[in-house]
C-alpha atoms as a PDB file:
ATOM      1  CA  MET A   1     240.715  79.927  -3.962  1.00  0.00           C
ATOM      2  CA  THR A   2     239.104  82.775  -2.058  1.00  0.00           C
ATOM      3  CA  ALA A   3     239.286  82.359   1.710  1.00  0.00           C
ATOM      4  CA  SER A   4     235.976  81.987   3.538  1.00  0.00           C
ATOM      5  CA  PRO A   5     235.024  85.000   5.656  1.00  0.00           C
ATOM      6  CA  PRO A   6     235.322  84.468   9.401  1.00  0.00           C
ATOM      7  CA  VAL A   7     232.270  83.283  11.306  1.00  0.00           C
ATOM      8  CA  PRO A   8     230.546  86.340  12.855  1.00  0.00           C
ATOM      9  CA  ALA A   9     230.941  86.630  16.621  1.00  0.00           C
ATOM     10  CA  GLU A  10     227.398  87.949  17.029  1.00  0.00           C
ATOM     11  CA  ARG A  11     223.943  86.991  15.843  1.00  0.00           C
ATOM     12  CA  ILE A  12     222.951  88.007  12.336  1.00  0.00           C
ATOM     13  CA  THR A  13     219.713  87.875  10.356  1.00  0.00           C
ATOM     14  CA  TYR A  14     219.125  85.201   7.741  1.00  0.00           C
ATOM     15  CA  GLU A  15     219.364  87.868   5.032  1.00  0.00           C
ATOM     16  CA  GLU A  16     222.772  88.943   6.367  1.00  0.00           C
ATOM     17  CA  PHE A  17     223.820  85.304   6.457  1.00  0.00           C
ATOM     18  CA  LEU A  18     222.899  84.791   2.795  1.00  0.00           C
ATOM     19  CA  ALA A  19     224.827  87.920   1.824  1.00  0.00           C
ATOM     20  CA  ARG A  20     228.072  86.710   3.412  1.00  0.00           C
ATOM     21  CA  CYS A  21     227.883  82.898   3.403  1.00  0.00           C
ATOM     22  CA  SER A  22     230.550  80.950   1.553  1.00  0.00           C
ATOM     23  CA  GLU A  23     229.704  79.057  -1.639  1.00  0.00           C
ATOM     24  CA  SER A  24     232.583  76.648  -1.063  1.00  0.00           C
ATOM     25  CA  ARG A  25     231.903  75.590   2.543  1.00  0.00           C
ATOM     26  CA  ILE A  26     228.900  74.142   4.304  1.00  0.00           C
ATOM     27  CA  GLU A  27     227.511  76.737   6.698  1.00  0.00           C
ATOM     28  CA  GLU A  28     224.159  76.748   8.455  1.00  0.00           C
ATOM     29  CA  TRP A  29     222.138  79.466  10.168  1.00  0.00           C
ATOM     30  CA  VAL A  30     220.708  78.440  13.554  1.00  0.00           C
ATOM     31  CA  ASP A  31     218.895  80.935  15.793  1.00  0.00           C
ATOM     32  CA  GLY A  32     220.933  83.798  14.368  1.00  0.00           C
ATOM     33  CA  TRP A  33     224.297  82.056  14.698  1.00  0.00           C
ATOM     34  CA  VAL A  34     226.455  80.836  11.832  1.00  0.00           C
ATOM     35  CA  VAL A  35     227.521  77.218  12.234  1.00  0.00           C
ATOM     36  CA  ARG A  36     230.387  76.131  10.005  1.00  0.00           C
ATOM     37  CA  GLU A  37     230.689  72.422   9.310  1.00  0.00           C
ATOM     38  CA  PRO A  38     234.087  70.690   9.167  1.00  0.00           C
ATOM     39  CA  GLY A  39     235.225  69.317   5.826  1.00  0.00           C
ATOM     40  CA  PRO A  40     233.712  65.915   4.988  1.00  0.00           C
ATOM     41  CA  SER A  41     235.727  62.700   4.735  1.00  0.00           C
ATOM     42  CA  ASP A  42     236.422  60.893   1.465  1.00  0.00           C
ATOM     43  CA  PRO A  43     233.773  58.166   2.095  1.00  0.00           C
ATOM     44  CA  HIS A  44     231.269  60.923   2.905  1.00  0.00           C
ATOM     45  CA  MET A  45     232.057  62.799  -0.316  1.00  0.00           C
ATOM     46  CA  ASP A  46     232.049  59.575  -2.335  1.00  0.00           C
ATOM     47  CA  LEU A  47     228.582  58.611  -1.121  1.00  0.00           C
ATOM     48  CA  ALA A  48     227.203  62.131  -1.638  1.00  0.00           C
ATOM     49  CA  GLY A  49     228.622  62.233  -5.158  1.00  0.00           C
ATOM     50  CA  PHE A  50     227.243  58.805  -6.033  1.00  0.00           C
ATOM     51  CA  LEU A  51     223.737  59.499  -4.749  1.00  0.00           C
ATOM     52  CA  GLY A  52     223.682  62.989  -6.200  1.00  0.00           C
ATOM     53  CA  ALA A  53     224.629  61.713  -9.667  1.00  0.00           C
ATOM     54  CA  VAL A  54     222.121  58.844  -9.611  1.00  0.00           C
ATOM     55  CA  LEU A  55     219.267  60.947  -8.241  1.00  0.00           C
ATOM     56  CA  ARG A  56     219.856  63.832 -10.620  1.00  0.00           C
ATOM     57  CA  ALA A  57     219.922  61.558 -13.666  1.00  0.00           C
ATOM     58  CA  PHE A  58     216.793  59.713 -12.500  1.00  0.00           C
ATOM     59  CA  VAL A  59     214.860  62.896 -11.724  1.00  0.00           C
ATOM     60  CA  GLU A  60     215.823  64.572 -15.004  1.00  0.00           C
ATOM     61  CA  ALA A  61     214.988  61.468 -17.065  1.00  0.00           C
ATOM     62  CA  LYS A  62     211.551  61.231 -15.453  1.00  0.00           C
ATOM     63  CA  GLY A  63     210.886  64.978 -15.451  1.00  0.00           C
ATOM     64  CA  LEU A  64     210.137  64.896 -11.727  1.00  0.00           C
ATOM     65  CA  GLY A  65     211.755  68.152 -10.587  1.00  0.00           C
ATOM     66  CA  ILE A  66     215.241  69.213  -9.527  1.00  0.00           C
ATOM     67  CA  VAL A  67     218.086  67.891  -7.379  1.00  0.00           C
ATOM     68  CA  ARG A  68     220.561  70.117  -5.551  1.00  0.00           C
ATOM     69  CA  ILE A  69     223.760  69.090  -3.794  1.00  0.00           C
ATOM     70  CA  ALA A  70     225.397  70.933  -0.873  1.00  0.00           C
ATOM     71  CA  PRO A  71     226.265  73.666  -0.417  1.00  0.00           C
ATOM     72  CA  PHE A  72     222.707  74.916  -1.056  1.00  0.00           C
ATOM     73  CA  GLN A  73     220.558  76.343   1.719  1.00  0.00           C
ATOM     74  CA  MET A  74     217.098  75.094   2.698  1.00  0.00           C
ATOM     75  CA  LYS A  75     214.938  77.364   4.879  1.00  0.00           C
ATOM     76  CA  THR A  76     211.856  75.317   5.691  1.00  0.00           C
ATOM     77  CA  GLY A  77     210.041  78.067   7.597  1.00  0.00           C
ATOM     78  CA  PRO A  78     210.399  81.640   8.918  1.00  0.00           C
ATOM     79  CA  ASP A  79     211.153  80.482  12.463  1.00  0.00           C
ATOM     80  CA  LEU A  80     213.314  77.490  11.539  1.00  0.00           C
ATOM     81  CA  PRO A  81     217.071  77.309  10.873  1.00  0.00           C
ATOM     82  CA  GLY A  82     218.689  77.496   7.459  1.00  0.00           C
ATOM     83  CA  ARG A  83     220.226  74.089   6.819  1.00  0.00           C
ATOM     84  CA  GLU A  84     222.290  72.511   4.051  1.00  0.00           C
ATOM     85  CA  PRO A  85     221.327  68.891   3.431  1.00  0.00           C
ATOM     86  CA  GLU A  86     223.860  66.886   1.438  1.00  0.00           C
ATOM     87  CA  ILE A  87     221.201  66.355  -1.222  1.00  0.00           C
ATOM     88  CA  LEU A  88     217.696  67.678  -1.696  1.00  0.00           C
ATOM     89  CA  PHE A  89     214.962  66.982  -4.225  1.00  0.00           C
ATOM     90  CA  VAL A  90     212.155  69.383  -5.104  1.00  0.00           C
ATOM     91  CA  ARG A  91     209.130  68.258  -7.101  1.00  0.00           C
ATOM     92  CA  GLU A  92     208.350  70.113 -10.311  1.00  0.00           C
ATOM     93  CA  ALA A  93     205.171  71.424  -8.678  1.00  0.00           C
ATOM     94  CA  HIS A  94     207.296  73.075  -5.988  1.00  0.00           C
ATOM     95  CA  ARG A  95     209.975  74.557  -8.254  1.00  0.00           C
ATOM     96  CA  ASN A  96     208.799  78.055  -7.333  1.00  0.00           C
ATOM     97  CA  ARG A  97     210.400  77.527  -3.908  1.00  0.00           C
ATOM     98  CA  VAL A  98     213.884  77.678  -5.445  1.00  0.00           C
ATOM     99  CA  ARG A  99     215.596  81.045  -5.025  1.00  0.00           C
ATOM    100  CA  HIS A 100     218.980  82.199  -6.273  1.00  0.00           C
ATOM    101  CA  GLN A 101     220.815  81.185  -3.071  1.00  0.00           C
ATOM    102  CA  PHE A 102     218.419  78.954  -1.179  1.00  0.00           C
ATOM    103  CA  LEU A 103     215.249  76.901  -1.100  1.00  0.00           C
ATOM    104  CA  GLU A 104     212.427  78.909   0.471  1.00  0.00           C
ATOM    105  CA  GLY A 105     210.305  76.148   1.933  1.00  0.00           C
ATOM    106  CA  PRO A 106     210.797  72.432   2.437  1.00  0.00           C
ATOM    107  CA  ALA A 107     212.370  70.026  -0.003  1.00  0.00           C
ATOM    108  CA  ASP A 108     210.256  66.995  -0.840  1.00  0.00           C
ATOM    109  CA  LEU A 109     213.270  64.814  -0.013  1.00  0.00           C
ATOM    110  CA  ALA A 110     216.289  65.744   2.116  1.00  0.00           C
ATOM    111  CA  ILE A 111     219.309  63.485   2.581  1.00  0.00           C
ATOM    112  CA  GLU A 112     221.858  63.911   5.364  1.00  0.00           C
ATOM    113  CA  ILE A 113     225.076  61.884   5.446  1.00  0.00           C
ATOM    114  CA  ILE A 114     226.326  61.631   8.996  1.00  0.00           C
ATOM    115  CA  SER A 115     229.834  62.602  10.079  1.00  0.00           C
ATOM    116  CA  PRO A 116     231.040  61.672  13.584  1.00  0.00           C
ATOM    117  CA  ASP A 117     230.408  65.208  14.859  1.00  0.00           C
ATOM    118  CA  SER A 118     226.978  65.564  13.203  1.00  0.00           C
ATOM    119  CA  ARG A 119     225.255  62.435  14.517  1.00  0.00           C
ATOM    120  CA  ARG A 120     223.141  64.156  17.182  1.00  0.00           C
ATOM    121  CA  ARG A 121     222.443  67.147  14.960  1.00  0.00           C
ATOM    122  CA  ASP A 122     221.212  65.021  12.047  1.00  0.00           C
ATOM    123  CA  ARG A 123     219.268  62.505  14.130  1.00  0.00           C
ATOM    124  CA  GLU A 124     217.685  64.897  16.612  1.00  0.00           C
ATOM    125  CA  GLU A 125     217.823  68.582  15.658  1.00  0.00           C
ATOM    126  CA  LYS A 126     217.331  68.237  11.910  1.00  0.00           C
ATOM    127  CA  TYR A 127     214.853  65.400  12.352  1.00  0.00           C
ATOM    128  CA  ARG A 128     212.615  67.710  14.393  1.00  0.00           C
ATOM    129  CA  GLU A 129     213.170  70.692  12.102  1.00  0.00           C
ATOM    130  CA  TYR A 130     212.521  68.805   8.867  1.00  0.00           C
ATOM    131  CA  GLU A 131     209.434  67.168  10.335  1.00  0.00           C
ATOM    132  CA  ALA A 132     208.056  70.525  11.527  1.00  0.00           C
ATOM    133  CA  GLY A 133     209.076  72.280   8.316  1.00  0.00           C
ATOM    134  CA  GLY A 134     207.278  69.850   6.013  1.00  0.00           C
ATOM    135  CA  VAL A 135     210.098  67.817   4.425  1.00  0.00           C
ATOM    136  CA  GLU A 136     208.058  64.848   3.226  1.00  0.00           C
ATOM    137  CA  GLU A 137     210.854  62.264   3.127  1.00  0.00           C
ATOM    138  CA  TYR A 138     214.098  62.301   5.119  1.00  0.00           C
ATOM    139  CA  TRP A 139     217.045  59.920   4.743  1.00  0.00           C
ATOM    140  CA  ILE A 140     219.776  59.704   7.386  1.00  0.00           C
ATOM    141  CA  LEU A 141     222.800  57.759   6.137  1.00  0.00           C
ATOM    142  CA  ASP A 142     225.643  56.791   8.464  1.00  0.00           C
ATOM    143  CA  PRO A 143     228.595  55.312   6.510  1.00  0.00           C
ATOM    144  CA  GLU A 144     230.679  54.744   9.657  1.00  0.00           C
ATOM    145  CA  LYS A 145     227.986  52.621  11.335  1.00  0.00           C
ATOM    146  CA  LYS A 146     226.616  51.300   8.020  1.00  0.00           C
ATOM    147  CA  ARG A 147     223.146  52.355   9.036  1.00  0.00           C
ATOM    148  CA  ALA A 148     220.399  53.930   6.949  1.00  0.00           C
ATOM    149  CA  ASP A 149     217.160  55.353   8.336  1.00  0.00           C
ATOM    150  CA  PHE A 150     214.305  56.520   6.141  1.00  0.00           C
ATOM    151  CA  TYR A 151     211.347  58.579   7.314  1.00  0.00           C
ATOM    152  CA  VAL A 152     208.155  59.822   5.670  1.00  0.00           C
ATOM    153  CA  ARG A 153     205.515  62.178   7.067  1.00  0.00           C
ATOM    154  CA  ASP A 154     202.109  60.749   7.875  1.00  0.00           C
ATOM    155  CA  ARG A 155     198.760  62.544   7.564  1.00  0.00           C
ATOM    156  CA  ARG A 156     199.347  64.332  10.855  1.00  0.00           C
ATOM    157  CA  GLY A 157     202.715  65.638   9.694  1.00  0.00           C
ATOM    158  CA  CYS A 158     204.710  63.269  11.924  1.00  0.00           C
ATOM    159  CA  TYR A 159     207.619  61.180  10.704  1.00  0.00           C
ATOM    160  CA  ARG A 160     207.207  57.431  10.511  1.00  0.00           C
ATOM    161  CA  ALA A 161     210.010  55.015   9.696  1.00  0.00           C
ATOM    162  CA  ARG A 162     209.838  53.536   6.187  1.00  0.00           C
ATOM    163  CA  LYS A 163     211.693  50.239   6.071  1.00  0.00           C
ATOM    164  CA  PRO A 164     213.490  48.466   3.224  1.00  0.00           C
ATOM    165  CA  ASP A 165     211.836  45.266   2.014  1.00  0.00           C
ATOM    166  CA  PRO A 166     213.084  41.798   3.122  1.00  0.00           C
ATOM    167  CA  LYS A 167     215.669  41.850   0.310  1.00  0.00           C
ATOM    168  CA  GLY A 168     217.144  45.119   1.580  1.00  0.00           C
ATOM    169  CA  ILE A 169     215.613  47.252  -1.168  1.00  0.00           C
ATOM    170  CA  TYR A 170     214.386  50.713  -0.192  1.00  0.00           C
ATOM    171  CA  ARG A 171     211.712  52.315  -2.376  1.00  0.00           C
ATOM    172  CA  SER A 172     211.216  56.055  -2.128  1.00  0.00           C
ATOM    173  CA  ARG A 173     207.719  57.432  -1.633  1.00  0.00           C
ATOM    174  CA  VAL A 174     208.333  60.845  -3.187  1.00  0.00           C
ATOM    175  CA  LEU A 175     210.316  59.496  -6.167  1.00  0.00           C
ATOM    176  CA  PRO A 176     208.039  57.001  -7.952  1.00  0.00           C
ATOM    177  CA  GLY A 177     210.060  54.104  -9.348  1.00  0.00           C
ATOM    178  CA  PHE A 178     213.259  54.940  -7.478  1.00  0.00           C
ATOM    179  CA  TRP A 179     214.813  52.193  -5.379  1.00  0.00           C
ATOM    180  CA  LEU A 180     218.226  51.346  -3.991  1.00  0.00           C
ATOM    181  CA  GLU A 181     220.013  48.418  -2.400  1.00  0.00           C
ATOM    182  CA  VAL A 182     220.842  49.707   1.070  1.00  0.00           C
ATOM    183  CA  ASP A 183     223.894  47.462   1.565  1.00  0.00           C
ATOM    184  CA  GLY A 184     225.345  48.850  -1.656  1.00  0.00           C
ATOM    185  CA  LEU A 185     225.719  52.247   0.022  1.00  0.00           C
ATOM    186  CA  TRP A 186     228.490  50.855   2.221  1.00  0.00           C
ATOM    187  CA  GLN A 187     230.501  49.166  -0.536  1.00  0.00           C
ATOM    188  CA  ARG A 188     234.032  50.327  -1.229  1.00  0.00           C
ATOM    189  CA  PRO A 189     234.226  51.138  -4.038  1.00  0.00           C
ATOM    190  CA  LEU A 190     230.615  52.156  -4.458  1.00  0.00           C
ATOM    191  CA  PRO A 191     228.532  50.694  -7.292  1.00  0.00           C
ATOM    192  CA  LEU A 192     229.070  52.311 -10.675  1.00  0.00           C
ATOM    193  CA  VAL A 193     226.688  55.157 -11.413  1.00  0.00           C
ATOM    194  CA  LEU A 194     226.021  53.904 -14.951  1.00  0.00           C
ATOM    195  CA  GLY A 195     225.280  50.370 -13.743  1.00  0.00           C
ATOM    196  CA  THR A 196     222.912  51.724 -11.110  1.00  0.00           C
ATOM    197  CA  LEU A 197     221.059  53.786 -13.709  1.00  0.00           C
ATOM    198  CA  ARG A 198     220.742  50.710 -15.933  1.00  0.00           C
ATOM    199  CA  ARG A 199     219.136  48.780 -13.084  1.00  0.00           C
ATOM    200  CA  LEU A 200     216.728  51.675 -12.611  1.00  0.00           C
ATOM    201  CA  GLY A 201     215.846  51.523 -16.304  1.00  0.00           C
ATOM    202  CA  ILE A 202     217.181  54.993 -17.058  1.00  0.00           C
ATOM    203  CA  VAL A 203     219.871  53.984 -19.591  1.00  0.00           C
END
């Protein structure tokens, strides 16, 4: 495995960041500085893998667009940071935003899975950035606290909480027909991908 280059000690442009960023580690570009994320835990990786597999299969079966899993950059605007959500979904109509190394513009759905050191960043910094940058739906999943928060932009471009129904089922706004049992996200082991796709009517 090739070692990741050291984090630059000075500010760099976003273009310089893309030219030297690692494809094997999660790195973000914030105000000219490279921020390298620590390696995720097993529960974090397990949840990201589960959701990524289910979402990709659902989106492909329905012909809705594309799903990308970290590390893949999202630059929502010229004056906003380059971030790497765990998972992002881009509608077919917005496929032209996808570049070779990054998404130029907002995803329609971004999912962040919280690690202990990322709680403030995901809940405050990225919340503001994704709202301002036009990410229509934002999920914040916290396996340690077993908490899931879902937000959608209103007509004014402000996030509003979107709650699960009384049975604990969350239904996505940007993915028609997609739903999940929130409590199932905290199971160990997680639900089977194939069983989840059957319940969604995909297989």
